[in-house]
Amino acid sequence: MNKNCVPILLWSMAAVYVLLMAELLFLREGDGLRSFNLIPFHTIQEYMNADGGMRRNAVDVNIWGNILLFVPAGIYAMLIGKSGSIWPRLAAVALLSAGVEAGQYILAAGAADIDDVILNSTGGLIGITIYSVLKLGLRKQERVKLFLSLLSAGVGVPVLILSLVLYAVNRV
């Protein structure tokens, strides 16, 4: 792959990720109610005590969705700037998550919940770990960027197409 195409592909996929996150986190139709939880692990504990059936499936989607949604944020945080400690990047992911929660509260687009920040930060940490393991295995930053560019395109393009199709179907 052309060396100049790698950053373009990588940052194009990052932009798609940001747009999909914005749509998912802020532009969905909500109930217009505002709520917040500042007690760590309260909502997660309620989820763990949930009954079976449909509620349990919603619990799994909520917990795993919050984690998986921020895995790319951890990876992209590691790609920004020079190499160094993971802690400032993890802090940036946690601040991004807190900003999302505050935005959801302000826009009445979802509940602001400290547990979401915890789960999102866990996802960011997983992304940071994935990046670190790739860097150990591939040894060179350029190889990591190439791999992540191809992976981002391989995952991001189908997700984008699916999102556009679902958007079109739901608007009809």
Protein backbone atom coordinates (compact mmCIF):
# COMPACT_ATOMS: atom_id res chain seq x y z
CA MET A 1 0.00 0.00 0.00
CA ASN A 2 1.25 3.48 -0.84
CA LYS A 3 2.85 5.10 2.21
CA ASN A 4 0.76 8.27 1.74
CA CYS A 5 -2.51 6.32 1.64
CA VAL A 6 -2.09 4.81 5.10
CA PRO A 7 -2.67 8.02 7.11
CA ILE A 8 -5.51 9.07 4.81
CA LEU A 9 -7.25 5.71 5.21
CA LEU A 10 -6.62 5.61 8.95
CA TRP A 11 -7.93 9.11 9.65
CA SER A 12 -10.85 8.66 7.26
CA MET A 13 -11.90 5.63 9.28
CA ALA A 14 -11.36 7.61 12.50
CA ALA A 15 -13.72 10.28 11.13
CA VAL A 16 -16.31 7.60 10.29
CA TYR A 17 -15.95 6.25 13.84
CA VAL A 18 -16.52 9.71 15.33
CA LEU A 19 -19.57 10.32 13.13
CA LEU A 20 -21.09 6.94 13.98
CA MET A 21 -20.43 7.55 17.68
CA ALA A 22 -22.10 10.97 17.47
CA GLU A 23 -25.13 9.47 15.76
CA LEU A 24 -25.35 6.58 18.20
CA LEU A 25 -24.75 8.61 21.37
CA PHE A 26 -26.45 11.93 20.63
CA LEU A 27 -28.82 11.74 17.66
CA ARG A 28 -31.01 8.79 18.59
CA GLU A 29 -34.57 9.48 19.60
CA GLY A 30 -34.74 9.32 23.37
CA ASP A 31 -37.51 9.77 25.88
CA GLY A 32 -36.37 13.34 26.62
CA LEU A 33 -35.84 12.58 30.30
CA ARG A 34 -32.66 13.48 32.12
CA SER A 35 -31.15 11.22 34.74
CA PHE A 36 -27.75 10.68 36.21
CA ASN A 37 -25.95 8.25 38.46
CA LEU A 38 -22.80 9.24 40.31
CA ILE A 39 -22.55 6.08 42.43
CA PRO A 40 -19.84 3.84 40.93
CA PHE A 41 -20.97 0.32 39.98
CA HIS A 42 -24.60 1.00 40.98
CA THR A 43 -26.08 0.50 37.51
CA ILE A 44 -23.70 -2.36 36.74
CA GLN A 45 -24.80 -4.10 39.96
CA GLU A 46 -28.45 -3.60 38.99
CA TYR A 47 -27.67 -5.14 35.61
CA MET A 48 -25.97 -8.11 37.23
CA ASN A 49 -29.05 -8.72 39.38
CA ALA A 50 -31.42 -8.49 36.40
CA ASP A 51 -33.89 -11.24 35.69
CA GLY A 52 -33.44 -13.48 32.67
CA GLY A 53 -35.10 -13.09 29.31
CA MET A 54 -35.21 -9.90 27.31
CA ARG A 55 -33.99 -7.71 30.15
CA ARG A 56 -30.85 -9.83 30.48
CA ASN A 57 -30.16 -9.45 26.75
CA ALA A 58 -30.53 -5.68 27.04
CA VAL A 59 -28.12 -5.76 29.98
CA ASP A 60 -25.52 -7.65 27.96
CA VAL A 61 -25.90 -5.24 25.04
CA ASN A 62 -25.57 -2.24 27.35
CA ILE A 63 -22.49 -3.47 29.21
CA TRP A 64 -20.66 -4.93 26.21
CA GLY A 65 -21.79 -2.09 23.96
CA ASN A 66 -20.30 0.51 26.31
CA ILE A 67 -17.03 -1.40 26.43
CA LEU A 68 -16.73 -2.19 22.71
CA LEU A 69 -17.76 1.29 21.58
CA PHE A 70 -14.63 2.81 23.12
CA VAL A 71 -12.06 0.18 22.05
CA PRO A 72 -11.29 2.20 18.88
CA ALA A 73 -10.96 5.37 21.00
CA GLY A 74 -8.13 3.70 22.92
CA ILE A 75 -6.42 2.64 19.70
CA TYR A 76 -6.75 6.10 18.13
CA ALA A 77 -5.53 7.72 21.36
CA MET A 78 -2.33 5.71 21.04
CA LEU A 79 -1.87 6.80 17.42
CA ILE A 80 -2.03 10.49 18.31
CA GLY A 81 1.21 12.15 19.33
CA LYS A 82 4.55 10.67 20.21
CA SER A 83 5.04 7.40 22.02
CA GLY A 84 5.06 7.56 25.76
CA SER A 85 3.03 6.64 28.79
CA ILE A 86 -0.40 5.12 28.32
CA TRP A 87 -1.82 6.97 31.33
CA PRO A 88 -2.40 10.36 29.65
CA ARG A 89 -4.11 8.55 26.79
CA LEU A 90 -6.30 6.53 29.12
CA ALA A 91 -7.15 9.76 30.94
CA ALA A 92 -8.07 11.33 27.57
CA VAL A 93 -10.42 8.41 26.82
CA ALA A 94 -12.00 8.72 30.29
CA LEU A 95 -12.45 12.49 29.78
CA LEU A 96 -13.98 11.86 26.35
CA SER A 97 -16.40 9.41 27.95
CA ALA A 98 -17.26 11.88 30.73
CA GLY A 99 -17.84 14.52 28.05
CA VAL A 100 -20.17 12.17 26.20
CA GLU A 101 -22.13 11.50 29.39
CA ALA A 102 -22.38 15.23 30.14
CA GLY A 103 -23.49 15.87 26.57
CA GLN A 104 -26.15 13.18 26.79
CA TYR A 105 -27.46 14.73 29.99
CA ILE A 106 -27.50 18.26 28.56
CA LEU A 107 -29.21 17.14 25.34
CA ALA A 108 -31.54 14.70 27.14
CA ALA A 109 -30.17 12.06 24.77
CA GLY A 110 -29.51 9.43 27.41
CA ALA A 111 -28.74 8.89 31.06
CA ALA A 112 -25.48 10.29 32.43
CA ASP A 113 -23.96 7.42 34.37
CA ILE A 114 -20.56 7.06 36.02
CA ASP A 115 -20.80 3.34 35.25
CA ASP A 116 -20.81 4.18 31.53
CA VAL A 117 -17.59 6.16 32.06
CA ILE A 118 -16.10 3.12 33.83
CA LEU A 119 -17.20 0.74 31.06
CA ASN A 120 -16.11 3.14 28.28
CA SER A 121 -12.73 3.59 29.96
CA THR A 122 -12.39 -0.18 30.17
CA GLY A 123 -12.99 -0.32 26.43
CA GLY A 124 -10.37 2.40 25.92
CA LEU A 125 -7.91 0.41 28.02
CA ILE A 126 -8.59 -2.67 25.88
CA GLY A 127 -7.89 -0.57 22.78
CA ILE A 128 -4.66 0.74 24.30
CA THR A 129 -3.67 -2.85 25.14
CA ILE A 130 -4.44 -4.04 21.61
CA TYR A 131 -2.29 -1.25 20.20
CA SER A 132 0.56 -2.06 22.61
CA VAL A 133 0.47 -5.77 21.74
CA LEU A 134 0.46 -4.93 18.02
CA LYS A 135 3.42 -2.61 18.50
CA LEU A 136 5.33 -5.37 20.30
CA GLY A 137 4.54 -7.88 17.58
CA LEU A 138 4.98 -5.66 14.54
CA ARG A 139 7.86 -3.66 16.06
CA LYS A 140 7.52 -0.60 13.80
CA GLN A 141 4.98 2.19 14.08
CA GLU A 142 4.44 2.21 10.30
CA ARG A 143 3.53 -1.49 10.31
CA VAL A 144 1.08 -0.91 13.16
CA LYS A 145 -0.51 1.99 11.26
CA LEU A 146 -0.79 -0.10 8.10
CA PHE A 147 -2.37 -3.01 9.98
CA LEU A 148 -4.80 -0.72 11.82
CA SER A 149 -5.66 1.10 8.57
CA LEU A 150 -6.58 -2.16 6.88
CA LEU A 151 -8.45 -3.43 9.95
CA SER A 152 -10.31 -0.12 10.31
CA ALA A 153 -11.33 -0.19 6.66
CA GLY A 154 -12.29 -3.87 6.86
CA VAL A 155 -14.55 -3.23 9.84
CA GLY A 156 -15.46 0.42 9.29
CA VAL A 157 -16.67 0.27 5.69
CA PRO A 158 -19.21 -2.55 6.29
CA VAL A 159 -20.39 -0.85 9.50
CA LEU A 160 -20.81 2.43 7.62
CA ILE A 161 -22.76 0.74 4.82
CA LEU A 162 -24.97 -1.09 7.33
CA SER A 163 -25.57 2.16 9.23
CA LEU A 164 -26.56 4.00 6.06
CA VAL A 165 -28.92 1.19 5.03
CA LEU A 166 -30.52 1.08 8.50
CA TYR A 167 -30.81 4.87 8.50
CA ALA A 168 -32.52 4.83 5.10
CA VAL A 169 -34.89 2.00 6.07
CA ASN A 170 -35.87 3.63 9.37
CA ARG A 171 -36.53 7.03 7.76
CA VAL A 172 -39.02 5.61 5.22
